[in-house]
Amino acid sequence: MHTYSNSQIKIITLNKTKYLPYQLHQLPKFFDRDTTDYFSKDGYCYISLNDHSDSFDLQNFKNRLTFNKDIQKTLKR
């Protein structure tokens, strides 16, 4: 298993397929429990990169991966 990690969120690779993490309230519009290749782990829903459109920008997704605890620290006053 290979992973790309930013803090504690990981892009997971299983059997040469990449799975991208989403929080349940951030699931993409195309997500369908019956037709999407996904699994749940540690409170995240991991969706296969193959289910994303061809115009999906993986690098942008990686750049925007954040761990909520990091965000909360920056928002505190």
C-alpha atoms as a PDB file:
ATOM      1  CA  MET A   1       0.000   0.000   0.000  1.00  0.00           C
ATOM      2  CA  HIS A   2       1.397   3.394  -1.026  1.00  0.00           C
ATOM      3  CA  THR A   3       0.187   6.633   0.480  1.00  0.00           C
ATOM      4  CA  TYR A   4       0.538  10.336  -0.160  1.00  0.00           C
ATOM      5  CA  SER A   5       0.163  12.103   3.147  1.00  0.00           C
ATOM      6  CA  ASN A   6      -0.353  15.675   4.247  1.00  0.00           C
ATOM      7  CA  SER A   7      -0.605  15.694   8.052  1.00  0.00           C
ATOM      8  CA  GLN A   8      -2.759  12.667   8.804  1.00  0.00           C
ATOM      9  CA  ILE A   9      -4.976  12.619   5.702  1.00  0.00           C
ATOM     10  CA  LYS A  10      -3.766  10.147   3.105  1.00  0.00           C
ATOM     11  CA  ILE A  11      -4.347   9.341  -0.541  1.00  0.00           C
ATOM     12  CA  ILE A  12      -4.272   5.554  -0.484  1.00  0.00           C
ATOM     13  CA  THR A  13      -3.226   3.294  -3.367  1.00  0.00           C
ATOM     14  CA  LEU A  14      -4.599  -0.260  -3.408  1.00  0.00           C
ATOM     15  CA  ASN A  15      -4.084  -2.612  -6.363  1.00  0.00           C
ATOM     16  CA  LYS A  16      -2.746   0.273  -8.496  1.00  0.00           C
ATOM     17  CA  THR A  17      -5.907   2.344  -7.854  1.00  0.00           C
ATOM     18  CA  LYS A  18      -5.696   5.660  -5.990  1.00  0.00           C
ATOM     19  CA  TYR A  19      -8.401   6.498  -3.462  1.00  0.00           C
ATOM     20  CA  LEU A  20      -8.963  10.112  -2.441  1.00  0.00           C
ATOM     21  CA  PRO A  21     -10.231  11.021   1.047  1.00  0.00           C
ATOM     22  CA  TYR A  22     -13.410  13.006   1.597  1.00  0.00           C
ATOM     23  CA  GLN A  23     -15.231  13.907   4.772  1.00  0.00           C
ATOM     24  CA  LEU A  24     -18.853  12.797   4.729  1.00  0.00           C
ATOM     25  CA  HIS A  25     -20.183  16.354   4.423  1.00  0.00           C
ATOM     26  CA  GLN A  26     -17.802  17.022   1.487  1.00  0.00           C
ATOM     27  CA  LEU A  27     -18.691  14.125  -0.810  1.00  0.00           C
ATOM     28  CA  PRO A  28     -18.628  15.103  -4.505  1.00  0.00           C
ATOM     29  CA  LYS A  29     -21.918  15.417  -6.400  1.00  0.00           C
ATOM     30  CA  PHE A  30     -21.210  12.341  -8.533  1.00  0.00           C
ATOM     31  CA  PHE A  31     -20.926  10.086  -5.468  1.00  0.00           C
ATOM     32  CA  ASP A  32     -23.459   7.241  -5.523  1.00  0.00           C
ATOM     33  CA  ARG A  33     -23.234   4.459  -2.966  1.00  0.00           C
ATOM     34  CA  ASP A  34     -24.284   1.858  -5.550  1.00  0.00           C
ATOM     35  CA  THR A  35     -22.003   2.787  -8.460  1.00  0.00           C
ATOM     36  CA  THR A  36     -18.951   4.478  -6.925  1.00  0.00           C
ATOM     37  CA  ASP A  37     -15.833   2.496  -5.981  1.00  0.00           C
ATOM     38  CA  TYR A  38     -15.222   3.594  -2.383  1.00  0.00           C
ATOM     39  CA  PHE A  39     -14.526   2.481   1.181  1.00  0.00           C
ATOM     40  CA  SER A  40     -14.694   4.133   4.604  1.00  0.00           C
ATOM     41  CA  LYS A  41     -11.788   4.377   7.037  1.00  0.00           C
ATOM     42  CA  ASP A  42     -11.070   6.573  10.079  1.00  0.00           C
ATOM     43  CA  GLY A  43     -14.074   8.834   9.476  1.00  0.00           C
ATOM     44  CA  TYR A  44     -13.248   9.479   5.810  1.00  0.00           C
ATOM     45  CA  CYS A  45     -14.820   8.145   2.639  1.00  0.00           C
ATOM     46  CA  TYR A  46     -12.109   7.159   0.129  1.00  0.00           C
ATOM     47  CA  ILE A  47     -13.303   7.400  -3.483  1.00  0.00           C
ATOM     48  CA  SER A  48     -11.451   5.871  -6.431  1.00  0.00           C
ATOM     49  CA  LEU A  49      -9.624   8.345  -8.660  1.00  0.00           C
ATOM     50  CA  ASN A  50     -11.091   6.385 -11.609  1.00  0.00           C
ATOM     51  CA  ASP A  51     -14.582   7.627 -10.649  1.00  0.00           C
ATOM     52  CA  HIS A  52     -13.515  11.281 -10.974  1.00  0.00           C
ATOM     53  CA  SER A  53     -13.917  13.115 -14.284  1.00  0.00           C
ATOM     54  CA  ASP A  54     -11.041  13.465 -16.742  1.00  0.00           C
ATOM     55  CA  SER A  55     -10.826  17.171 -15.935  1.00  0.00           C
ATOM     56  CA  PHE A  56     -10.211  16.477 -12.231  1.00  0.00           C
ATOM     57  CA  ASP A  57      -7.011  18.207 -11.046  1.00  0.00           C
ATOM     58  CA  LEU A  58      -5.209  15.741  -8.755  1.00  0.00           C
ATOM     59  CA  GLN A  59      -2.363  18.140  -7.970  1.00  0.00           C
ATOM     60  CA  ASN A  60      -4.835  20.802  -6.856  1.00  0.00           C
ATOM     61  CA  PHE A  61      -6.558  18.196  -4.663  1.00  0.00           C
ATOM     62  CA  LYS A  62      -3.219  17.270  -3.051  1.00  0.00           C
ATOM     63  CA  ASN A  63      -2.374  20.925  -2.458  1.00  0.00           C
ATOM     64  CA  ARG A  64      -5.676  21.491  -0.685  1.00  0.00           C
ATOM     65  CA  LEU A  65      -5.511  18.461   1.616  1.00  0.00           C
ATOM     66  CA  THR A  66      -5.677  19.738   5.177  1.00  0.00           C
ATOM     67  CA  PHE A  67      -6.172  18.212   8.550  1.00  0.00           C
ATOM     68  CA  ASN A  68      -9.003  19.929  10.442  1.00  0.00           C
ATOM     69  CA  LYS A  69      -6.943  20.359  13.611  1.00  0.00           C
ATOM     70  CA  ASP A  70      -4.480  22.508  11.611  1.00  0.00           C
ATOM     71  CA  ILE A  71      -7.309  24.717  10.346  1.00  0.00           C
ATOM     72  CA  GLN A  72      -8.745  25.167  13.823  1.00  0.00           C
ATOM     73  CA  LYS A  73      -5.400  26.404  15.189  1.00  0.00           C
ATOM     74  CA  THR A  74      -5.165  29.105  12.533  1.00  0.00           C
ATOM     75  CA  LEU A  75      -8.735  30.282  13.129  1.00  0.00           C
ATOM     76  CA  LYS A  76      -8.301  30.749  16.879  1.00  0.00           C
ATOM     77  CA  ARG A  77      -7.912  34.306  18.139  1.00  0.00           C
END
